[in-house]
Structure formats: structure tokens, C-alpha cells
Amino acid sequence: MPSTELHATAADRAAKALKAPAEARLNVELLPQLAEADLLDSPASWGAATTPHGSFRLEPLRLDRDLELLTGWMNDPEVAAYWELAGPAATTAAHVRAQWDGASRSIPCLGLLDGTPMSYWEIYRADLDPIARHYPARPHDTGIHLLVGDGTNRGRGLGTALLRAVTDLVFDNRPRCTRVIAEPDIRNTPSVSAFLSSGFRCSMEIDLPEKRAALMVRERALRNLL
């Protein structure tokens, strides 16, 4: 598991990479660090949030360490029904690598509760994502995708607590962000309910290429009221 010191210096390493020769800048291993520093204010350094269920933090995903775990989650029927990524490890790996490419503006992360990986998150720049064509985006809108990987953690209010914790981490660490958004499938009633219970409101329904979604929005200005 990467140390706190390594997390804290991700932005510094990315900045140095930008000044390095072109050959170094093209190293694919640097892409997640560059994306964090430039687009999302380094989620690796956001620290932990206290929840009723324990201490929660985000850690950028590493395929060499985390692929088997994430592939197992993607093959859970409840997850596969909406993520549609059931299959071999190569399917999961291709999806994660797509988050790291230049067009995705997304940082894939594991969610750790008291040090145990139990959820998967994608933190992304919604204003720079294709979803911005489907709603009135604002600069630095931050989007989230998530799944709770272990079925024993579902259905007991944990998702609601983690959604609130992650959006609070976004607001605390991304001062330019005024809204966090998400677009769960409108058919996914438990997910929509968790968003509503964690301070989001349903702004509208939108038609995306792969689903009809509920556009959920949590406003910084209302974070202490909802």
C-alpha cells in the first residue's frame, strides 16, 4: 500500500514530469499523476473522512495490485446489472485504462474503510466530460461513479454515509468546485435513494447513450443544510 509520503508528493512528481524531456513525459506510468495534479487536485492527498462506520479514504487504483479484487466486484450480479463489465480481468483492466487516457478526465480509486478496500470510485471532471453536453455544466463540476464491492456492505446505510464523506472530501480539497454531480441509472432505486439521503437532489432526468439517468446534484452552498 503506498505510503502517506508518496501520496502527498504526487502533485510534486507530476509537476516535475511536466518539466522533464519529452521522452519522460510520454511514460504511461505518469498519466494518473498528471491527471490528478492538473484536473482534480490530487485525490491521493485528500486524507481520511470520519463516518459512522469508520475512517474512510480514497486511494488511486493500481492494476498490478487491485485488478483481481475489482474484477471480482464487477462480476457480482448486482454490480454487473448497471456497470455491465462482467467478464475476465482484461475487461476490467480495459475499463480502468480508459479512465487514465487523455479524454476521460477521471481518477479511478479504491475506497478504504478502516484500511480495508470495500468500494470502487471514479472521480471525474464533469465539466470536461461528454456528460456536460447533457446538462448546464459549471466550471470544475466534479462527478462521481461508485460501487460498493462486497454485498455484505449493502442495504445498511453505508452507501449514504460514504457518498456524503466523498462529496465533503471534494468540497474540502477542491475549492474551485461548487457542485458534485452523479448520474445513476433511473432504474437503480437503491442508488438514487442513497444519493437523496446524502444531500443530493434530483435536478432532472437525462438521456445518455447507455441509460436514462437521474442527474443528482449536491451544492457546496447547501452542504451543511442537506
C-alpha atoms as a PDB file:
ATOM      1  CA  MET A   1       0.000   0.000   0.000  1.00  0.00           C
ATOM      2  CA  PRO A   2       1.505   3.404  -0.950  1.00  0.00           C
ATOM      3  CA  SER A   3       2.710   5.489   1.962  1.00  0.00           C
ATOM      4  CA  THR A   4       1.268   8.846   3.014  1.00  0.00           C
ATOM      5  CA  GLU A   5       4.528  10.478   1.933  1.00  0.00           C
ATOM      6  CA  LEU A   6       4.147   9.089  -1.573  1.00  0.00           C
ATOM      7  CA  HIS A   7       0.563  10.337  -1.713  1.00  0.00           C
ATOM      8  CA  ALA A   8       1.491  13.804  -0.541  1.00  0.00           C
ATOM      9  CA  THR A   9       4.110  14.225  -3.250  1.00  0.00           C
ATOM     10  CA  ALA A  10       2.086  13.041  -6.239  1.00  0.00           C
ATOM     11  CA  ALA A  11       1.440  16.581  -7.408  1.00  0.00           C
ATOM     12  CA  ASP A  12       5.118  17.456  -6.999  1.00  0.00           C
ATOM     13  CA  ARG A  13       6.154  14.447  -9.089  1.00  0.00           C
ATOM     14  CA  ALA A  14       3.639  15.396 -11.751  1.00  0.00           C
ATOM     15  CA  ALA A  15       4.916  18.966 -11.859  1.00  0.00           C
ATOM     16  CA  LYS A  16       8.487  17.716 -12.291  1.00  0.00           C
ATOM     17  CA  ALA A  17       7.324  15.415 -15.069  1.00  0.00           C
ATOM     18  CA  LEU A  18       5.922  18.353 -16.991  1.00  0.00           C
ATOM     19  CA  LYS A  19       9.391  19.939 -16.970  1.00  0.00           C
ATOM     20  CA  ALA A  20      11.128  16.718 -17.991  1.00  0.00           C
ATOM     21  CA  PRO A  21      12.224  15.828 -21.539  1.00  0.00           C
ATOM     22  CA  ALA A  22       9.510  14.700 -23.920  1.00  0.00           C
ATOM     23  CA  GLU A  23      10.605  11.059 -23.612  1.00  0.00           C
ATOM     24  CA  ALA A  24       9.826  11.096 -19.882  1.00  0.00           C
ATOM     25  CA  ARG A  25       6.542  12.907 -20.317  1.00  0.00           C
ATOM     26  CA  LEU A  26       5.300  10.126 -22.580  1.00  0.00           C
ATOM     27  CA  ASN A  27       5.780   7.453 -19.907  1.00  0.00           C
ATOM     28  CA  VAL A  28       2.304   5.994 -19.403  1.00  0.00           C
ATOM     29  CA  GLU A  29       3.013   5.414 -15.705  1.00  0.00           C
ATOM     30  CA  LEU A  30       2.936   9.189 -15.184  1.00  0.00           C
ATOM     31  CA  LEU A  31      -0.525   9.719 -16.638  1.00  0.00           C
ATOM     32  CA  PRO A  32      -2.553   9.112 -13.449  1.00  0.00           C
ATOM     33  CA  GLN A  33      -0.295  11.502 -11.501  1.00  0.00           C
ATOM     34  CA  LEU A  34      -0.538  14.169 -14.173  1.00  0.00           C
ATOM     35  CA  ALA A  35      -4.306  13.854 -14.285  1.00  0.00           C
ATOM     36  CA  GLU A  36      -4.598  14.152 -10.519  1.00  0.00           C
ATOM     37  CA  ALA A  37      -2.432  17.243 -10.284  1.00  0.00           C
ATOM     38  CA  ASP A  38      -3.822  19.065 -13.286  1.00  0.00           C
ATOM     39  CA  LEU A  39      -7.524  18.236 -13.184  1.00  0.00           C
ATOM     40  CA  LEU A  40      -8.646  17.023  -9.771  1.00  0.00           C
ATOM     41  CA  ASP A  41      -6.331  18.496  -7.151  1.00  0.00           C
ATOM     42  CA  SER A  42      -4.683  15.160  -6.268  1.00  0.00           C
ATOM     43  CA  PRO A  43      -7.309  12.891  -4.636  1.00  0.00           C
ATOM     44  CA  ALA A  44      -4.462  10.747  -3.271  1.00  0.00           C
ATOM     45  CA  SER A  45      -3.594  13.519  -0.810  1.00  0.00           C
ATOM     46  CA  TRP A  46      -7.125  14.276   0.413  1.00  0.00           C
ATOM     47  CA  GLY A  47      -6.774  12.328   3.635  1.00  0.00           C
ATOM     48  CA  ALA A  48      -9.477  10.481   5.552  1.00  0.00           C
ATOM     49  CA  ALA A  49     -13.065  11.300   6.441  1.00  0.00           C
ATOM     50  CA  THR A  50     -14.760  10.157   9.632  1.00  0.00           C
ATOM     51  CA  THR A  51     -18.050   8.314   9.084  1.00  0.00           C
ATOM     52  CA  PRO A  52     -20.433   6.489  11.458  1.00  0.00           C
ATOM     53  CA  HIS A  53     -18.962   3.269  10.060  1.00  0.00           C
ATOM     54  CA  GLY A  54     -15.271   4.094  10.458  1.00  0.00           C
ATOM     55  CA  SER A  55     -12.477   6.068   8.820  1.00  0.00           C
ATOM     56  CA  PHE A  56     -12.794   6.300   5.048  1.00  0.00           C
ATOM     57  CA  ARG A  57     -10.301   7.397   2.423  1.00  0.00           C
ATOM     58  CA  LEU A  58      -9.710   7.193  -1.311  1.00  0.00           C
ATOM     59  CA  GLU A  59      -6.614   5.618  -2.793  1.00  0.00           C
ATOM     60  CA  PRO A  60      -5.845   5.732  -6.534  1.00  0.00           C
ATOM     61  CA  LEU A  61      -6.246   2.283  -8.022  1.00  0.00           C
ATOM     62  CA  ARG A  62      -3.231   0.250  -9.169  1.00  0.00           C
ATOM     63  CA  LEU A  63      -3.881  -2.512 -11.664  1.00  0.00           C
ATOM     64  CA  ASP A  64      -0.884  -4.567 -10.580  1.00  0.00           C
ATOM     65  CA  ARG A  65      -2.279  -4.742  -7.058  1.00  0.00           C
ATOM     66  CA  ASP A  66      -6.040  -4.272  -7.362  1.00  0.00           C
ATOM     67  CA  LEU A  67      -7.174  -5.867 -10.632  1.00  0.00           C
ATOM     68  CA  GLU A  68      -8.233  -9.228  -9.184  1.00  0.00           C
ATOM     69  CA  LEU A  69     -10.286  -7.574  -6.444  1.00  0.00           C
ATOM     70  CA  LEU A  70     -12.016  -5.157  -8.814  1.00  0.00           C
ATOM     71  CA  THR A  71     -12.721  -7.885 -11.376  1.00  0.00           C
ATOM     72  CA  GLY A  72     -14.465  -9.916  -8.676  1.00  0.00           C
ATOM     73  CA  TRP A  73     -16.657  -6.949  -7.819  1.00  0.00           C
ATOM     74  CA  MET A  74     -17.523  -6.329 -11.463  1.00  0.00           C
ATOM     75  CA  ASN A  75     -18.735  -9.919 -11.717  1.00  0.00           C
ATOM     76  CA  ASP A  76     -21.127  -9.572  -8.795  1.00  0.00           C
ATOM     77  CA  PRO A  77     -24.623  -9.752 -10.399  1.00  0.00           C
ATOM     78  CA  GLU A  78     -25.868  -6.659  -8.543  1.00  0.00           C
ATOM     79  CA  VAL A  79     -22.900  -4.635  -9.803  1.00  0.00           C
ATOM     80  CA  ALA A  80     -22.881  -6.106 -13.305  1.00  0.00           C
ATOM     81  CA  ALA A  81     -26.536  -5.166 -13.825  1.00  0.00           C
ATOM     82  CA  TYR A  82     -25.559  -1.491 -14.037  1.00  0.00           C
ATOM     83  CA  TRP A  83     -21.805  -1.388 -14.738  1.00  0.00           C
ATOM     84  CA  GLU A  84     -22.049  -4.049 -17.486  1.00  0.00           C
ATOM     85  CA  LEU A  85     -18.394  -5.059 -17.049  1.00  0.00           C
ATOM     86  CA  ALA A  86     -18.782  -8.705 -16.063  1.00  0.00           C
ATOM     87  CA  GLY A  87     -16.169 -10.938 -17.663  1.00  0.00           C
ATOM     88  CA  PRO A  88     -12.435 -11.615 -17.484  1.00  0.00           C
ATOM     89  CA  ALA A  89      -9.824  -9.401 -15.880  1.00  0.00           C
ATOM     90  CA  ALA A  90      -8.966  -7.964 -19.293  1.00  0.00           C
ATOM     91  CA  THR A  91     -12.433  -6.370 -19.466  1.00  0.00           C
ATOM     92  CA  THR A  92     -11.963  -4.628 -16.137  1.00  0.00           C
ATOM     93  CA  ALA A  93      -8.408  -3.578 -16.989  1.00  0.00           C
ATOM     94  CA  ALA A  94      -9.512  -2.026 -20.275  1.00  0.00           C
ATOM     95  CA  HIS A  95     -12.167  -0.004 -18.459  1.00  0.00           C
ATOM     96  CA  VAL A  96      -9.666   1.283 -15.881  1.00  0.00           C
ATOM     97  CA  ARG A  97      -7.094   2.185 -18.526  1.00  0.00           C
ATOM     98  CA  ALA A  98      -9.763   4.172 -20.353  1.00  0.00           C
ATOM     99  CA  GLN A  99     -10.168   6.286 -17.197  1.00  0.00           C
ATOM    100  CA  TRP A 100      -6.491   7.166 -17.411  1.00  0.00           C
ATOM    101  CA  ASP A 101      -6.423   8.217 -21.046  1.00  0.00           C
ATOM    102  CA  GLY A 102      -6.372  11.859 -22.055  1.00  0.00           C
ATOM    103  CA  ALA A 103     -10.065  12.084 -22.831  1.00  0.00           C
ATOM    104  CA  SER A 104     -11.608  10.655 -19.666  1.00  0.00           C
ATOM    105  CA  ARG A 105     -10.572  13.290 -17.064  1.00  0.00           C
ATOM    106  CA  SER A 106     -11.176  10.608 -14.433  1.00  0.00           C
ATOM    107  CA  ILE A 107      -9.239   9.169 -11.490  1.00  0.00           C
ATOM    108  CA  PRO A 108     -10.209   5.574 -10.558  1.00  0.00           C
ATOM    109  CA  CYS A 109      -9.862   4.923  -6.827  1.00  0.00           C
ATOM    110  CA  LEU A 110     -10.439   2.280  -4.212  1.00  0.00           C
ATOM    111  CA  GLY A 111     -12.469   3.278  -1.183  1.00  0.00           C
ATOM    112  CA  LEU A 112     -10.906   2.004   2.051  1.00  0.00           C
ATOM    113  CA  LEU A 113     -12.950   1.741   5.238  1.00  0.00           C
ATOM    114  CA  ASP A 114     -10.695   1.394   8.281  1.00  0.00           C
ATOM    115  CA  GLY A 115      -7.961   0.335   5.862  1.00  0.00           C
ATOM    116  CA  THR A 116      -9.996  -2.372   4.073  1.00  0.00           C
ATOM    117  CA  PRO A 117     -10.807  -1.925   0.351  1.00  0.00           C
ATOM    118  CA  MET A 118     -14.593  -2.192   0.004  1.00  0.00           C
ATOM    119  CA  SER A 119     -15.687   0.125  -2.813  1.00  0.00           C
ATOM    120  CA  TYR A 120     -14.609   1.499  -6.180  1.00  0.00           C
ATOM    121  CA  TRP A 121     -14.921   5.167  -7.168  1.00  0.00           C
ATOM    122  CA  GLU A 122     -14.303   7.224 -10.274  1.00  0.00           C
ATOM    123  CA  ILE A 123     -13.779  10.910  -9.518  1.00  0.00           C
ATOM    124  CA  TYR A 124     -14.002  12.918 -12.725  1.00  0.00           C
ATOM    125  CA  ARG A 125     -14.246  16.422 -14.141  1.00  0.00           C
ATOM    126  CA  ALA A 126     -17.885  16.517 -15.220  1.00  0.00           C
ATOM    127  CA  ASP A 127     -17.479  19.882 -16.945  1.00  0.00           C
ATOM    128  CA  LEU A 128     -14.842  18.362 -19.262  1.00  0.00           C
ATOM    129  CA  ASP A 129     -16.673  15.066 -19.778  1.00  0.00           C
ATOM    130  CA  PRO A 130     -19.184  14.242 -22.558  1.00  0.00           C
ATOM    131  CA  ILE A 131     -21.907  14.386 -19.896  1.00  0.00           C
ATOM    132  CA  ALA A 132     -21.509  18.193 -19.952  1.00  0.00           C
ATOM    133  CA  ARG A 133     -23.438  18.152 -23.230  1.00  0.00           C
ATOM    134  CA  HIS A 134     -26.485  16.849 -21.370  1.00  0.00           C
ATOM    135  CA  TYR A 135     -26.850  19.390 -18.568  1.00  0.00           C
ATOM    136  CA  PRO A 136     -25.877  23.044 -17.845  1.00  0.00           C
ATOM    137  CA  ALA A 137     -22.382  22.339 -16.537  1.00  0.00           C
ATOM    138  CA  ARG A 138     -20.353  24.787 -14.472  1.00  0.00           C
ATOM    139  CA  PRO A 139     -16.543  25.056 -14.405  1.00  0.00           C
ATOM    140  CA  HIS A 140     -14.962  22.480 -12.088  1.00  0.00           C
ATOM    141  CA  ASP A 141     -18.141  20.445 -11.583  1.00  0.00           C
ATOM    142  CA  THR A 142     -16.894  17.162 -10.126  1.00  0.00           C
ATOM    143  CA  GLY A 143     -18.620  13.880 -10.941  1.00  0.00           C
ATOM    144  CA  ILE A 144     -18.577  10.572  -9.111  1.00  0.00           C
ATOM    145  CA  HIS A 145     -19.273   6.957 -10.062  1.00  0.00           C
ATOM    146  CA  LEU A 146     -19.215   4.299  -7.383  1.00  0.00           C
ATOM    147  CA  LEU A 147     -19.902   0.712  -6.500  1.00  0.00           C
ATOM    148  CA  VAL A 148     -19.897  -0.993  -3.127  1.00  0.00           C
ATOM    149  CA  GLY A 149     -17.987  -4.166  -3.800  1.00  0.00           C
ATOM    150  CA  ASP A 150     -18.988  -6.505  -1.005  1.00  0.00           C
ATOM    151  CA  GLY A 151     -22.674  -7.427  -0.824  1.00  0.00           C
ATOM    152  CA  THR A 152     -22.468  -7.556   2.986  1.00  0.00           C
ATOM    153  CA  ASN A 153     -21.898  -3.785   2.941  1.00  0.00           C
ATOM    154  CA  ARG A 154     -25.070  -3.024   1.002  1.00  0.00           C
ATOM    155  CA  GLY A 155     -28.507  -2.198   2.309  1.00  0.00           C
ATOM    156  CA  ARG A 156     -27.466  -0.822   5.717  1.00  0.00           C
ATOM    157  CA  GLY A 157     -26.940   2.866   5.020  1.00  0.00           C
ATOM    158  CA  LEU A 158     -23.237   2.604   4.295  1.00  0.00           C
ATOM    159  CA  GLY A 159     -23.580   3.943   0.745  1.00  0.00           C
ATOM    160  CA  THR A 160     -25.300   7.071   2.034  1.00  0.00           C
ATOM    161  CA  ALA A 161     -22.548   7.708   4.589  1.00  0.00           C
ATOM    162  CA  LEU A 162     -19.785   7.189   2.034  1.00  0.00           C
ATOM    163  CA  LEU A 163     -21.420   9.450  -0.548  1.00  0.00           C
ATOM    164  CA  ARG A 164     -21.597  12.240   1.997  1.00  0.00           C
ATOM    165  CA  ALA A 165     -18.000  11.611   3.050  1.00  0.00           C
ATOM    166  CA  VAL A 166     -16.641  11.664  -0.500  1.00  0.00           C
ATOM    167  CA  THR A 167     -18.522  14.796  -1.512  1.00  0.00           C
ATOM    168  CA  ASP A 168     -17.278  16.503   1.646  1.00  0.00           C
ATOM    169  CA  LEU A 169     -13.725  15.471   0.702  1.00  0.00           C
ATOM    170  CA  VAL A 170     -14.266  17.005  -2.740  1.00  0.00           C
ATOM    171  CA  PHE A 171     -15.537  20.281  -1.294  1.00  0.00           C
ATOM    172  CA  ASP A 172     -12.758  20.436   1.320  1.00  0.00           C
ATOM    173  CA  ASN A 173      -9.988  19.783  -1.211  1.00  0.00           C
ATOM    174  CA  ARG A 174     -11.304  21.325  -4.441  1.00  0.00           C
ATOM    175  CA  PRO A 175     -12.092  24.958  -3.572  1.00  0.00           C
ATOM    176  CA  ARG A 176     -12.980  25.736  -7.195  1.00  0.00           C
ATOM    177  CA  CYS A 177     -15.706  23.110  -7.241  1.00  0.00           C
ATOM    178  CA  THR A 178     -19.179  24.369  -6.320  1.00  0.00           C
ATOM    179  CA  ARG A 179     -21.132  21.193  -7.178  1.00  0.00           C
ATOM    180  CA  VAL A 180     -20.707  17.438  -7.130  1.00  0.00           C
ATOM    181  CA  ILE A 181     -22.841  15.554  -9.635  1.00  0.00           C
ATOM    182  CA  ALA A 182     -23.698  11.945 -10.393  1.00  0.00           C
ATOM    183  CA  GLU A 183     -25.885  10.182 -12.958  1.00  0.00           C
ATOM    184  CA  PRO A 184     -27.150   6.845 -11.630  1.00  0.00           C
ATOM    185  CA  ASP A 185     -29.445   4.783 -13.822  1.00  0.00           C
ATOM    186  CA  ILE A 186     -33.008   5.888 -13.086  1.00  0.00           C
ATOM    187  CA  ARG A 187     -33.926   2.214 -12.579  1.00  0.00           C
ATOM    188  CA  ASN A 188     -31.344   1.818  -9.818  1.00  0.00           C
ATOM    189  CA  THR A 189     -33.660   2.772  -6.975  1.00  0.00           C
ATOM    190  CA  PRO A 190     -31.263   1.931  -4.098  1.00  0.00           C
ATOM    191  CA  SER A 191     -28.543   4.132  -5.650  1.00  0.00           C
ATOM    192  CA  VAL A 192     -30.883   7.075  -6.282  1.00  0.00           C
ATOM    193  CA  SER A 193     -32.213   6.753  -2.735  1.00  0.00           C
ATOM    194  CA  ALA A 194     -28.678   6.784  -1.287  1.00  0.00           C
ATOM    195  CA  PHE A 195     -27.859   9.980  -3.180  1.00  0.00           C
ATOM    196  CA  LEU A 196     -31.037  11.664  -1.951  1.00  0.00           C
ATOM    197  CA  SER A 197     -30.293  10.640   1.638  1.00  0.00           C
ATOM    198  CA  SER A 198     -26.738  12.017   1.445  1.00  0.00           C
ATOM    199  CA  GLY A 199     -27.667  15.588   0.499  1.00  0.00           C
ATOM    200  CA  PHE A 200     -28.082  15.372  -3.269  1.00  0.00           C
ATOM    201  CA  ARG A 201     -31.192  16.467  -5.116  1.00  0.00           C
ATOM    202  CA  CYS A 202     -32.500  15.133  -8.390  1.00  0.00           C
ATOM    203  CA  SER A 203     -32.057  18.028 -10.802  1.00  0.00           C
ATOM    204  CA  MET A 204     -33.504  16.346 -13.902  1.00  0.00           C
ATOM    205  CA  GLU A 205     -33.647  13.131 -15.885  1.00  0.00           C
ATOM    206  CA  ILE A 206     -31.230  12.920 -18.809  1.00  0.00           C
ATOM    207  CA  ASP A 207     -30.851  10.520 -21.697  1.00  0.00           C
ATOM    208  CA  LEU A 208     -27.300   9.247 -22.004  1.00  0.00           C
ATOM    209  CA  PRO A 209     -26.096   6.838 -24.717  1.00  0.00           C
ATOM    210  CA  GLU A 210     -26.166   3.854 -22.360  1.00  0.00           C
ATOM    211  CA  LYS A 211     -29.029   4.723 -19.992  1.00  0.00           C
ATOM    212  CA  ARG A 212     -31.687   7.115 -18.805  1.00  0.00           C
ATOM    213  CA  ALA A 213     -30.174   8.723 -15.739  1.00  0.00           C
ATOM    214  CA  ALA A 214     -31.182  10.800 -12.749  1.00  0.00           C
ATOM    215  CA  LEU A 215     -28.886  13.836 -12.597  1.00  0.00           C
ATOM    216  CA  MET A 216     -28.054  14.121  -8.912  1.00  0.00           C
ATOM    217  CA  VAL A 217     -26.502  17.359  -7.651  1.00  0.00           C
ATOM    218  CA  ARG A 218     -25.053  18.340  -4.289  1.00  0.00           C
ATOM    219  CA  GLU A 219     -24.328  22.042  -3.916  1.00  0.00           C
ATOM    220  CA  ARG A 220     -21.456  23.395  -1.839  1.00  0.00           C
ATOM    221  CA  ALA A 221     -23.698  26.230  -0.643  1.00  0.00           C
ATOM    222  CA  LEU A 222     -26.184  23.730   0.809  1.00  0.00           C
ATOM    223  CA  ARG A 223     -23.743  21.129   2.154  1.00  0.00           C
ATOM    224  CA  ASN A 224     -24.486  21.945   5.798  1.00  0.00           C
ATOM    225  CA  LEU A 225     -28.254  22.192   5.280  1.00  0.00           C
ATOM    226  CA  LEU A 226     -29.000  18.923   3.458  1.00  0.00           C
END
